[in-house]
Amino acid sequence: MIIFEKERNGFTTILDCIEELYDKKQNKTAIFRFVYNDKVFETKYVTMFESDNGEELDTPEYEEFNVILFENIETHEYIDINYKNLPKELYCNGKRII
């Protein structure tokens, strides 16, 4: 996975945590708690992938970035995180990541 300079705003910290958990084979049981303003979501990691902003490849507005997909444990809805929509706080198994 290519890490883009714009993702060095805390997003890479999340990637590092997930990679460490994956290496230890613990990622399926890790609980991630997201805090967005007054909302708190408990989630589990699903996958990560590269995406883009939907612009044509040859336009100056075209942008690639990485996405991490989580599943809300309570509602089973998916939450995608990228460098643009980081949560205010993020905890993994009770330890603050950001």
PDB file of N, CA and C in Angstrom:
ATOM      1  N   MET A   1       0.850  -1.181   0.000  1.00  0.00           N
ATOM      2  CA  MET A   1       0.000   0.000   0.000  1.00  0.00           C
ATOM      3  C   MET A   1       0.889   1.236   0.000  1.00  0.00           C
ATOM      4  N   ILE A   2       0.607   2.137  -0.890  1.00  0.00           N
ATOM      5  CA  ILE A   2       1.341   3.398  -0.963  1.00  0.00           C
ATOM      6  C   ILE A   2       0.742   4.359   0.053  1.00  0.00           C
ATOM      7  N   ILE A   3       1.591   4.968   0.863  1.00  0.00           N
ATOM      8  CA  ILE A   3       1.137   5.981   1.815  1.00  0.00           C
ATOM      9  C   ILE A   3       1.427   7.345   1.196  1.00  0.00           C
ATOM     10  N   PHE A   4       0.392   8.140   1.054  1.00  0.00           N
ATOM     11  CA  PHE A   4       0.526   9.467   0.470  1.00  0.00           C
ATOM     12  C   PHE A   4       0.864  10.482   1.559  1.00  0.00           C
ATOM     13  N   GLU A   5       1.604  11.517   1.185  1.00  0.00           N
ATOM     14  CA  GLU A   5       2.040  12.531   2.150  1.00  0.00           C
ATOM     15  C   GLU A   5       0.851  13.140   2.904  1.00  0.00           C
ATOM     16  N   LYS A   6      -0.249  13.370   2.215  1.00  0.00           N
ATOM     17  CA  LYS A   6      -1.431  13.983   2.834  1.00  0.00           C
ATOM     18  C   LYS A   6      -2.031  13.101   3.935  1.00  0.00           C
ATOM     19  N   GLU A   7      -1.658  11.812   3.971  1.00  0.00           N
ATOM     20  CA  GLU A   7      -2.202  10.891   4.968  1.00  0.00           C
ATOM     21  C   GLU A   7      -1.391  10.879   6.267  1.00  0.00           C
ATOM     22  N   ARG A   8      -0.375  11.685   6.338  1.00  0.00           N
ATOM     23  CA  ARG A   8       0.462  11.732   7.533  1.00  0.00           C
ATOM     24  C   ARG A   8      -0.115  12.708   8.564  1.00  0.00           C
ATOM     25  N   ASN A   9      -1.420  12.697   8.702  1.00  0.00           N
ATOM     26  CA  ASN A   9      -2.130  13.589   9.620  1.00  0.00           C
ATOM     27  C   ASN A   9      -2.806  12.809  10.750  1.00  0.00           C
ATOM     28  N   GLY A  10      -2.332  11.629  11.043  1.00  0.00           N
ATOM     29  CA  GLY A  10      -2.974  10.762  12.030  1.00  0.00           C
ATOM     30  C   GLY A  10      -3.509   9.503  11.382  1.00  0.00           C
ATOM     31  N   PHE A  11      -3.784   9.565  10.103  1.00  0.00           N
ATOM     32  CA  PHE A  11      -4.300   8.399   9.392  1.00  0.00           C
ATOM     33  C   PHE A  11      -3.280   7.258   9.432  1.00  0.00           C
ATOM     34  N   THR A  12      -2.005   7.582   9.257  1.00  0.00           N
ATOM     35  CA  THR A  12      -0.976   6.536   9.270  1.00  0.00           C
ATOM     36  C   THR A  12      -0.872   5.871  10.637  1.00  0.00           C
ATOM     37  N   THR A  13      -1.219   6.581  11.681  1.00  0.00           N
ATOM     38  CA  THR A  13      -1.223   5.990  13.028  1.00  0.00           C
ATOM     39  C   THR A  13      -2.247   4.865  13.098  1.00  0.00           C
ATOM     40  N   ILE A  14      -3.405   5.067  12.486  1.00  0.00           N
ATOM     41  CA  ILE A  14      -4.434   4.031  12.442  1.00  0.00           C
ATOM     42  C   ILE A  14      -3.940   2.841  11.623  1.00  0.00           C
ATOM     43  N   LEU A  15      -3.333   3.120  10.472  1.00  0.00           N
ATOM     44  CA  LEU A  15      -2.784   2.051   9.641  1.00  0.00           C
ATOM     45  C   LEU A  15      -1.753   1.228  10.399  1.00  0.00           C
ATOM     46  N   ASP A  16      -0.859   1.912  11.109  1.00  0.00           N
ATOM     47  CA  ASP A  16       0.181   1.216  11.879  1.00  0.00           C
ATOM     48  C   ASP A  16      -0.430   0.308  12.928  1.00  0.00           C
ATOM     49  N   CYS A  17      -1.458   0.784  13.610  1.00  0.00           N
ATOM     50  CA  CYS A  17      -2.127  -0.010  14.645  1.00  0.00           C
ATOM     51  C   CYS A  17      -2.757  -1.259  14.042  1.00  0.00           C
ATOM     52  N   ILE A  18      -3.439  -1.099  12.943  1.00  0.00           N
ATOM     53  CA  ILE A  18      -4.097  -2.238  12.290  1.00  0.00           C
ATOM     54  C   ILE A  18      -3.063  -3.244  11.795  1.00  0.00           C
ATOM     55  N   GLU A  19      -1.993  -2.752  11.197  1.00  0.00           N
ATOM     56  CA  GLU A  19      -0.949  -3.655  10.714  1.00  0.00           C
ATOM     57  C   GLU A  19      -0.327  -4.438  11.866  1.00  0.00           C
ATOM     58  N   GLU A  20      -0.119  -3.781  12.993  1.00  0.00           N
ATOM     59  CA  GLU A  20       0.433  -4.468  14.163  1.00  0.00           C
ATOM     60  C   GLU A  20      -0.534  -5.541  14.661  1.00  0.00           C
ATOM     61  N   LEU A  21      -1.802  -5.220  14.735  1.00  0.00           N
ATOM     62  CA  LEU A  21      -2.796  -6.204  15.163  1.00  0.00           C
ATOM     63  C   LEU A  21      -2.884  -7.363  14.180  1.00  0.00           C
ATOM     64  N   TYR A  22      -2.820  -7.029  12.881  1.00  0.00           N
ATOM     65  CA  TYR A  22      -2.886  -8.062  11.852  1.00  0.00           C
ATOM     66  C   TYR A  22      -1.688  -9.007  11.965  1.00  0.00           C
ATOM     67  N   ASP A  23      -0.516  -8.426  12.184  1.00  0.00           N
ATOM     68  CA  ASP A  23       0.689  -9.244  12.343  1.00  0.00           C
ATOM     69  C   ASP A  23       0.579 -10.184  13.533  1.00  0.00           C
ATOM     70  N   LYS A  24      -0.131  -9.748  14.557  1.00  0.00           N
ATOM     71  CA  LYS A  24      -0.309 -10.570  15.761  1.00  0.00           C
ATOM     72  C   LYS A  24      -1.549 -11.451  15.682  1.00  0.00           C
ATOM     73  N   LYS A  25      -2.246 -11.408  14.528  1.00  0.00           N
ATOM     74  CA  LYS A  25      -3.462 -12.212  14.309  1.00  0.00           C
ATOM     75  C   LYS A  25      -4.573 -11.858  15.304  1.00  0.00           C
ATOM     76  N   GLN A  26      -4.605 -10.595  15.764  1.00  0.00           N
ATOM     77  CA  GLN A  26      -5.605 -10.157  16.734  1.00  0.00           C
ATOM     78  C   GLN A  26      -6.663  -9.254  16.110  1.00  0.00           C
ATOM     79  N   ASN A  27      -6.553  -8.958  14.821  1.00  0.00           N
ATOM     80  CA  ASN A  27      -7.432  -7.949  14.231  1.00  0.00           C
ATOM     81  C   ASN A  27      -8.909  -8.319  14.251  1.00  0.00           C
ATOM     82  N   LYS A  28      -9.254  -9.580  14.283  1.00  0.00           N
ATOM     83  CA  LYS A  28     -10.665  -9.967  14.248  1.00  0.00           C
ATOM     84  C   LYS A  28     -11.367  -9.724  15.582  1.00  0.00           C
ATOM     85  N   THR A  29     -10.588  -9.602  16.655  1.00  0.00           N
ATOM     86  CA  THR A  29     -11.199  -9.399  17.967  1.00  0.00           C
ATOM     87  C   THR A  29     -11.023  -7.978  18.492  1.00  0.00           C
ATOM     88  N   ALA A  30     -10.221  -7.167  17.821  1.00  0.00           N
ATOM     89  CA  ALA A  30      -9.975  -5.807  18.289  1.00  0.00           C
ATOM     90  C   ALA A  30     -11.231  -4.959  18.132  1.00  0.00           C
ATOM     91  N   ILE A  31     -11.519  -4.177  19.151  1.00  0.00           N
ATOM     92  CA  ILE A  31     -12.649  -3.260  19.133  1.00  0.00           C
ATOM     93  C   ILE A  31     -12.102  -1.840  19.002  1.00  0.00           C
ATOM     94  N   PHE A  32     -12.575  -1.128  17.990  1.00  0.00           N
ATOM     95  CA  PHE A  32     -12.186   0.262  17.765  1.00  0.00           C
ATOM     96  C   PHE A  32     -13.358   1.153  18.163  1.00  0.00           C
ATOM     97  N   ARG A  33     -13.090   2.122  19.003  1.00  0.00           N
ATOM     98  CA  ARG A  33     -14.123   3.074  19.436  1.00  0.00           C
ATOM     99  C   ARG A  33     -13.816   4.429  18.806  1.00  0.00           C
ATOM    100  N   PHE A  34     -14.740   4.905  17.977  1.00  0.00           N
ATOM    101  CA  PHE A  34     -14.619   6.188  17.307  1.00  0.00           C
ATOM    102  C   PHE A  34     -15.418   7.229  18.071  1.00  0.00           C
ATOM    103  N   VAL A  35     -14.849   8.412  18.213  1.00  0.00           N
ATOM    104  CA  VAL A  35     -15.554   9.529  18.833  1.00  0.00           C
ATOM    105  C   VAL A  35     -15.619  10.656  17.803  1.00  0.00           C
ATOM    106  N   TYR A  36     -16.836  10.972  17.378  1.00  0.00           N
ATOM    107  CA  TYR A  36     -17.102  12.094  16.489  1.00  0.00           C
ATOM    108  C   TYR A  36     -18.028  13.039  17.235  1.00  0.00           C
ATOM    109  N   ASN A  37     -17.497  14.182  17.658  1.00  0.00           N
ATOM    110  CA  ASN A  37     -18.273  15.149  18.435  1.00  0.00           C
ATOM    111  C   ASN A  37     -18.953  14.442  19.597  1.00  0.00           C
ATOM    112  N   ASP A  38     -20.270  14.313  19.592  1.00  0.00           N
ATOM    113  CA  ASP A  38     -20.967  13.686  20.715  1.00  0.00           C
ATOM    114  C   ASP A  38     -21.372  12.245  20.418  1.00  0.00           C
ATOM    115  N   LYS A  39     -20.954  11.687  19.288  1.00  0.00           N
ATOM    116  CA  LYS A  39     -21.323  10.322  18.932  1.00  0.00           C
ATOM    117  C   LYS A  39     -20.133   9.386  19.125  1.00  0.00           C
ATOM    118  N   VAL A  40     -20.438   8.205  19.641  1.00  0.00           N
ATOM    119  CA  VAL A  40     -19.418   7.184  19.860  1.00  0.00           C
ATOM    120  C   VAL A  40     -19.860   5.913  19.140  1.00  0.00           C
ATOM    121  N   PHE A  41     -18.955   5.327  18.370  1.00  0.00           N
ATOM    122  CA  PHE A  41     -19.240   4.093  17.651  1.00  0.00           C
ATOM    123  C   PHE A  41     -18.222   3.043  18.058  1.00  0.00           C
ATOM    124  N   GLU A  42     -18.692   1.851  18.375  1.00  0.00           N
ATOM    125  CA  GLU A  42     -17.794   0.726  18.592  1.00  0.00           C
ATOM    126  C   GLU A  42     -17.811  -0.098  17.316  1.00  0.00           C
ATOM    127  N   THR A  43     -16.625  -0.361  16.785  1.00  0.00           N
ATOM    128  CA  THR A  43     -16.512  -0.997  15.484  1.00  0.00           C
ATOM    129  C   THR A  43     -15.477  -2.113  15.503  1.00  0.00           C
ATOM    130  N   LYS A  44     -15.484  -2.879  14.429  1.00  0.00           N
ATOM    131  CA  LYS A  44     -14.413  -3.843  14.192  1.00  0.00           C
ATOM    132  C   LYS A  44     -13.866  -3.599  12.796  1.00  0.00           C
ATOM    133  N   TYR A  45     -12.602  -3.877  12.640  1.00  0.00           N
ATOM    134  CA  TYR A  45     -11.912  -3.686  11.370  1.00  0.00           C
ATOM    135  C   TYR A  45     -12.421  -4.692  10.345  1.00  0.00           C
ATOM    136  N   VAL A  46     -12.627  -4.218   9.097  1.00  0.00           N
ATOM    137  CA  VAL A  46     -13.062  -5.087   8.009  1.00  0.00           C
ATOM    138  C   VAL A  46     -11.948  -5.247   6.974  1.00  0.00           C
ATOM    139  N   THR A  47     -11.514  -4.134   6.365  1.00  0.00           N
ATOM    140  CA  THR A  47     -10.474  -4.195   5.334  1.00  0.00           C
ATOM    141  C   THR A  47      -9.938  -2.794   5.069  1.00  0.00           C
ATOM    142  N   MET A  48      -8.907  -2.715   4.248  1.00  0.00           N
ATOM    143  CA  MET A  48      -8.428  -1.423   3.767  1.00  0.00           C
ATOM    144  C   MET A  48      -8.159  -1.541   2.276  1.00  0.00           C
ATOM    145  N   PHE A  49      -8.283  -0.417   1.571  1.00  0.00           N
ATOM    146  CA  PHE A  49      -8.112  -0.426   0.130  1.00  0.00           C
ATOM    147  C   PHE A  49      -7.780   0.967  -0.371  1.00  0.00           C
ATOM    148  N   GLU A  50      -7.289   1.047  -1.610  1.00  0.00           N
ATOM    149  CA  GLU A  50      -7.040   2.330  -2.254  1.00  0.00           C
ATOM    150  C   GLU A  50      -8.302   2.770  -2.981  1.00  0.00           C
ATOM    151  N   SER A  51      -8.546   4.074  -2.974  1.00  0.00           N
ATOM    152  CA  SER A  51      -9.722   4.625  -3.629  1.00  0.00           C
ATOM    153  C   SER A  51      -9.316   5.923  -4.326  1.00  0.00           C
ATOM    154  N   ASP A  52     -10.281   6.556  -4.963  1.00  0.00           N
ATOM    155  CA  ASP A  52     -10.046   7.867  -5.558  1.00  0.00           C
ATOM    156  C   ASP A  52     -11.299   8.712  -5.374  1.00  0.00           C
ATOM    157  N   ASN A  53     -11.198   9.956  -5.794  1.00  0.00           N
ATOM    158  CA  ASN A  53     -12.323  10.874  -5.583  1.00  0.00           C
ATOM    159  C   ASN A  53     -13.310  10.901  -6.744  1.00  0.00           C
ATOM    160  N   GLY A  54     -13.197   9.952  -7.672  1.00  0.00           N
ATOM    161  CA  GLY A  54     -14.173   9.842  -8.752  1.00  0.00           C
ATOM    162  C   GLY A  54     -13.922  10.735  -9.940  1.00  0.00           C
ATOM    163  N   GLU A  55     -12.883  11.549  -9.883  1.00  0.00           N
ATOM    164  CA  GLU A  55     -12.540  12.408 -11.022  1.00  0.00           C
ATOM    165  C   GLU A  55     -11.817  11.577 -12.078  1.00  0.00           C
ATOM    166  N   GLU A  56     -11.764  12.094 -13.283  1.00  0.00           N
ATOM    167  CA  GLU A  56     -11.036  11.436 -14.358  1.00  0.00           C
ATOM    168  C   GLU A  56      -9.541  11.478 -14.058  1.00  0.00           C
ATOM    169  N   LEU A  57      -8.852  10.414 -14.418  1.00  0.00           N
ATOM    170  CA  LEU A  57      -7.431  10.263 -14.123  1.00  0.00           C
ATOM    171  C   LEU A  57      -6.579  11.405 -14.668  1.00  0.00           C
ATOM    172  N   ASP A  58      -6.951  11.964 -15.796  1.00  0.00           N
ATOM    173  CA  ASP A  58      -6.133  13.000 -16.419  1.00  0.00           C
ATOM    174  C   ASP A  58      -6.516  14.425 -16.015  1.00  0.00           C
ATOM    175  N   THR A  59      -7.389  14.593 -15.029  1.00  0.00           N
ATOM    176  CA  THR A  59      -7.756  15.936 -14.570  1.00  0.00           C
ATOM    177  C   THR A  59      -6.918  16.317 -13.354  1.00  0.00           C
ATOM    178  N   PRO A  60      -6.656  17.607 -13.163  1.00  0.00           N
ATOM    179  CA  PRO A  60      -5.862  18.044 -12.005  1.00  0.00           C
ATOM    180  C   PRO A  60      -6.549  17.756 -10.659  1.00  0.00           C
ATOM    181  N   GLU A  61      -7.862  17.591 -10.662  1.00  0.00           N
ATOM    182  CA  GLU A  61      -8.603  17.343  -9.426  1.00  0.00           C
ATOM    183  C   GLU A  61      -8.533  15.886  -8.978  1.00  0.00           C
ATOM    184  N   TYR A  62      -8.044  15.012  -9.852  1.00  0.00           N
ATOM    185  CA  TYR A  62      -7.974  13.578  -9.521  1.00  0.00           C
ATOM    186  C   TYR A  62      -7.101  13.371  -8.290  1.00  0.00           C
ATOM    187  N   GLU A  63      -7.548  12.493  -7.411  1.00  0.00           N
ATOM    188  CA  GLU A  63      -6.826  12.241  -6.165  1.00  0.00           C
ATOM    189  C   GLU A  63      -6.984  10.778  -5.762  1.00  0.00           C
ATOM    190  N   GLU A  64      -5.896  10.153  -5.380  1.00  0.00           N
ATOM    191  CA  GLU A  64      -5.927   8.801  -4.821  1.00  0.00           C
ATOM    192  C   GLU A  64      -5.676   8.893  -3.328  1.00  0.00           C
ATOM    193  N   PHE A  65      -6.262   7.971  -2.578  1.00  0.00           N
ATOM    194  CA  PHE A  65      -6.047   7.917  -1.138  1.00  0.00           C
ATOM    195  C   PHE A  65      -6.429   6.526  -0.648  1.00  0.00           C
ATOM    196  N   ASN A  66      -6.068   6.235   0.588  1.00  0.00           N
ATOM    197  CA  ASN A  66      -6.371   4.948   1.212  1.00  0.00           C
ATOM    198  C   ASN A  66      -7.620   5.067   2.076  1.00  0.00           C
ATOM    199  N   VAL A  67      -8.334   3.972   2.180  1.00  0.00           N
ATOM    200  CA  VAL A  67      -9.558   3.910   2.975  1.00  0.00           C
ATOM    201  C   VAL A  67      -9.467   2.696   3.893  1.00  0.00           C
ATOM    202  N   ILE A  68      -9.896   2.880   5.133  1.00  0.00           N
ATOM    203  CA  ILE A  68     -10.023   1.763   6.066  1.00  0.00           C
ATOM    204  C   ILE A  68     -11.508   1.594   6.340  1.00  0.00           C
ATOM    205  N   LEU A  69     -11.993   0.373   6.207  1.00  0.00           N
ATOM    206  CA  LEU A  69     -13.411   0.083   6.386  1.00  0.00           C
ATOM    207  C   LEU A  69     -13.620  -0.633   7.724  1.00  0.00           C
ATOM    208  N   PHE A  70     -14.539  -0.094   8.514  1.00  0.00           N
ATOM    209  CA  PHE A  70     -14.914  -0.669   9.799  1.00  0.00           C
ATOM    210  C   PHE A  70     -16.401  -0.991   9.769  1.00  0.00           C
ATOM    211  N   GLU A  71     -16.822  -1.913  10.626  1.00  0.00           N
ATOM    212  CA  GLU A  71     -18.240  -2.237  10.763  1.00  0.00           C
ATOM    213  C   GLU A  71     -18.708  -1.851  12.159  1.00  0.00           C
ATOM    214  N   ASN A  72     -19.776  -1.054  12.217  1.00  0.00           N
ATOM    215  CA  ASN A  72     -20.388  -0.675  13.485  1.00  0.00           C
ATOM    216  C   ASN A  72     -20.956  -1.944  14.120  1.00  0.00           C
ATOM    217  N   ILE A  73     -20.515  -2.260  15.326  1.00  0.00           N
ATOM    218  CA  ILE A  73     -20.923  -3.497  15.991  1.00  0.00           C
ATOM    219  C   ILE A  73     -22.418  -3.515  16.286  1.00  0.00           C
ATOM    220  N   GLU A  74     -22.967  -2.373  16.635  1.00  0.00           N
ATOM    221  CA  GLU A  74     -24.386  -2.293  17.006  1.00  0.00           C
ATOM    222  C   GLU A  74     -25.311  -2.338  15.795  1.00  0.00           C
ATOM    223  N   THR A  75     -24.993  -1.565  14.750  1.00  0.00           N
ATOM    224  CA  THR A  75     -25.919  -1.439  13.616  1.00  0.00           C
ATOM    225  C   THR A  75     -25.493  -2.253  12.390  1.00  0.00           C
ATOM    226  N   HIS A  76     -24.286  -2.763  12.393  1.00  0.00           N
ATOM    227  CA  HIS A  76     -23.709  -3.510  11.266  1.00  0.00           C
ATOM    228  C   HIS A  76     -23.556  -2.648  10.015  1.00  0.00           C
ATOM    229  N   GLU A  77     -23.582  -1.332  10.172  1.00  0.00           N
ATOM    230  CA  GLU A  77     -23.320  -0.417   9.060  1.00  0.00           C
ATOM    231  C   GLU A  77     -21.818  -0.239   8.926  1.00  0.00           C
ATOM    232  N   TYR A  78     -21.393   0.045   7.708  1.00  0.00           N
ATOM    233  CA  TYR A  78     -19.971   0.245   7.466  1.00  0.00           C
ATOM    234  C   TYR A  78     -19.598   1.710   7.618  1.00  0.00           C
ATOM    235  N   ILE A  79     -18.420   1.940   8.166  1.00  0.00           N
ATOM    236  CA  ILE A  79     -17.872   3.282   8.347  1.00  0.00           C
ATOM    237  C   ILE A  79     -16.526   3.289   7.638  1.00  0.00           C
ATOM    238  N   ASP A  80     -16.360   4.188   6.669  1.00  0.00           N
ATOM    239  CA  ASP A  80     -15.071   4.265   6.003  1.00  0.00           C
ATOM    240  C   ASP A  80     -14.307   5.476   6.507  1.00  0.00           C
ATOM    241  N   ILE A  81     -13.029   5.264   6.774  1.00  0.00           N
ATOM    242  CA  ILE A  81     -12.162   6.311   7.304  1.00  0.00           C
ATOM    243  C   ILE A  81     -11.063   6.569   6.281  1.00  0.00           C
ATOM    244  N   ASN A  82     -10.819   7.839   6.021  1.00  0.00           N
ATOM    245  CA  ASN A  82      -9.676   8.222   5.200  1.00  0.00           C
ATOM    246  C   ASN A  82      -9.060   9.466   5.819  1.00  0.00           C
ATOM    247  N   TYR A  83      -8.041  10.018   5.193  1.00  0.00           N
ATOM    248  CA  TYR A  83      -7.344  11.150   5.788  1.00  0.00           C
ATOM    249  C   TYR A  83      -8.218  12.395   5.928  1.00  0.00           C
ATOM    250  N   LYS A  84      -9.341  12.445   5.211  1.00  0.00           N
ATOM    251  CA  LYS A  84     -10.226  13.613   5.249  1.00  0.00           C
ATOM    252  C   LYS A  84     -11.267  13.564   6.359  1.00  0.00           C
ATOM    253  N   ASN A  85     -11.570  12.378   6.869  1.00  0.00           N
ATOM    254  CA  ASN A  85     -12.672  12.278   7.838  1.00  0.00           C
ATOM    255  C   ASN A  85     -12.265  11.537   9.117  1.00  0.00           C
ATOM    256  N   LEU A  86     -11.096  11.860   9.636  1.00  0.00           N
ATOM    257  CA  LEU A  86     -10.629  11.209  10.852  1.00  0.00           C
ATOM    258  C   LEU A  86     -11.549  11.541  12.024  1.00  0.00           C
ATOM    259  N   PRO A  87     -11.742  10.587  12.921  1.00  0.00           N
ATOM    260  CA  PRO A  87     -12.544  10.873  14.108  1.00  0.00           C
ATOM    261  C   PRO A  87     -11.796  11.814  15.048  1.00  0.00           C
ATOM    262  N   LYS A  88     -12.537  12.429  15.947  1.00  0.00           N
ATOM    263  CA  LYS A  88     -11.938  13.316  16.946  1.00  0.00           C
ATOM    264  C   LYS A  88     -10.999  12.515  17.845  1.00  0.00           C
ATOM    265  N   GLU A  89     -11.429  11.317  18.216  1.00  0.00           N
ATOM    266  CA  GLU A  89     -10.624  10.402  19.016  1.00  0.00           C
ATOM    267  C   GLU A  89     -10.857   8.993  18.492  1.00  0.00           C
ATOM    268  N   LEU A  90      -9.850   8.144  18.654  1.00  0.00           N
ATOM    269  CA  LEU A  90      -9.972   6.745  18.258  1.00  0.00           C
ATOM    270  C   LEU A  90      -9.240   5.883  19.274  1.00  0.00           C
ATOM    271  N   TYR A  91      -9.915   4.864  19.756  1.00  0.00           N
ATOM    272  CA  TYR A  91      -9.356   3.926  20.726  1.00  0.00           C
ATOM    273  C   TYR A  91      -9.387   2.522  20.138  1.00  0.00           C
ATOM    274  N   CYS A  92      -8.367   1.742  20.463  1.00  0.00           N
ATOM    275  CA  CYS A  92      -8.342   0.342  20.063  1.00  0.00           C
ATOM    276  C   CYS A  92      -8.123  -0.487  21.318  1.00  0.00           C
ATOM    277  N   ASN A  93      -9.093  -1.337  21.626  1.00  0.00           N
ATOM    278  CA  ASN A  93      -9.050  -2.156  22.835  1.00  0.00           C
ATOM    279  C   ASN A  93      -8.754  -1.313  24.063  1.00  0.00           C
ATOM    280  N   GLY A  94      -9.355  -0.116  24.119  1.00  0.00           N
ATOM    281  CA  GLY A  94      -9.216   0.767  25.270  1.00  0.00           C
ATOM    282  C   GLY A  94      -8.007   1.697  25.231  1.00  0.00           C
ATOM    283  N   LYS A  95      -7.095   1.525  24.299  1.00  0.00           N
ATOM    284  CA  LYS A  95      -5.897   2.369  24.196  1.00  0.00           C
ATOM    285  C   LYS A  95      -6.132   3.456  23.156  1.00  0.00           C
ATOM    286  N   ARG A  96      -5.858   4.703  23.542  1.00  0.00           N
ATOM    287  CA  ARG A  96      -6.074   5.819  22.613  1.00  0.00           C
ATOM    288  C   ARG A  96      -5.026   5.811  21.506  1.00  0.00           C
ATOM    289  N   ILE A  97      -5.507   5.862  20.267  1.00  0.00           N
ATOM    290  CA  ILE A  97      -4.629   5.894  19.101  1.00  0.00           C
ATOM    291  C   ILE A  97      -4.487   7.329  18.603  1.00  0.00           C
ATOM    292  N   ILE A  98      -5.605   8.024  18.452  1.00  0.00           N
ATOM    293  CA  ILE A  98      -5.587   9.445  18.083  1.00  0.00           C
ATOM    294  C   ILE A  98      -6.594  10.187  18.934  1.00  0.00           C
TER     295      ILE A  98
END
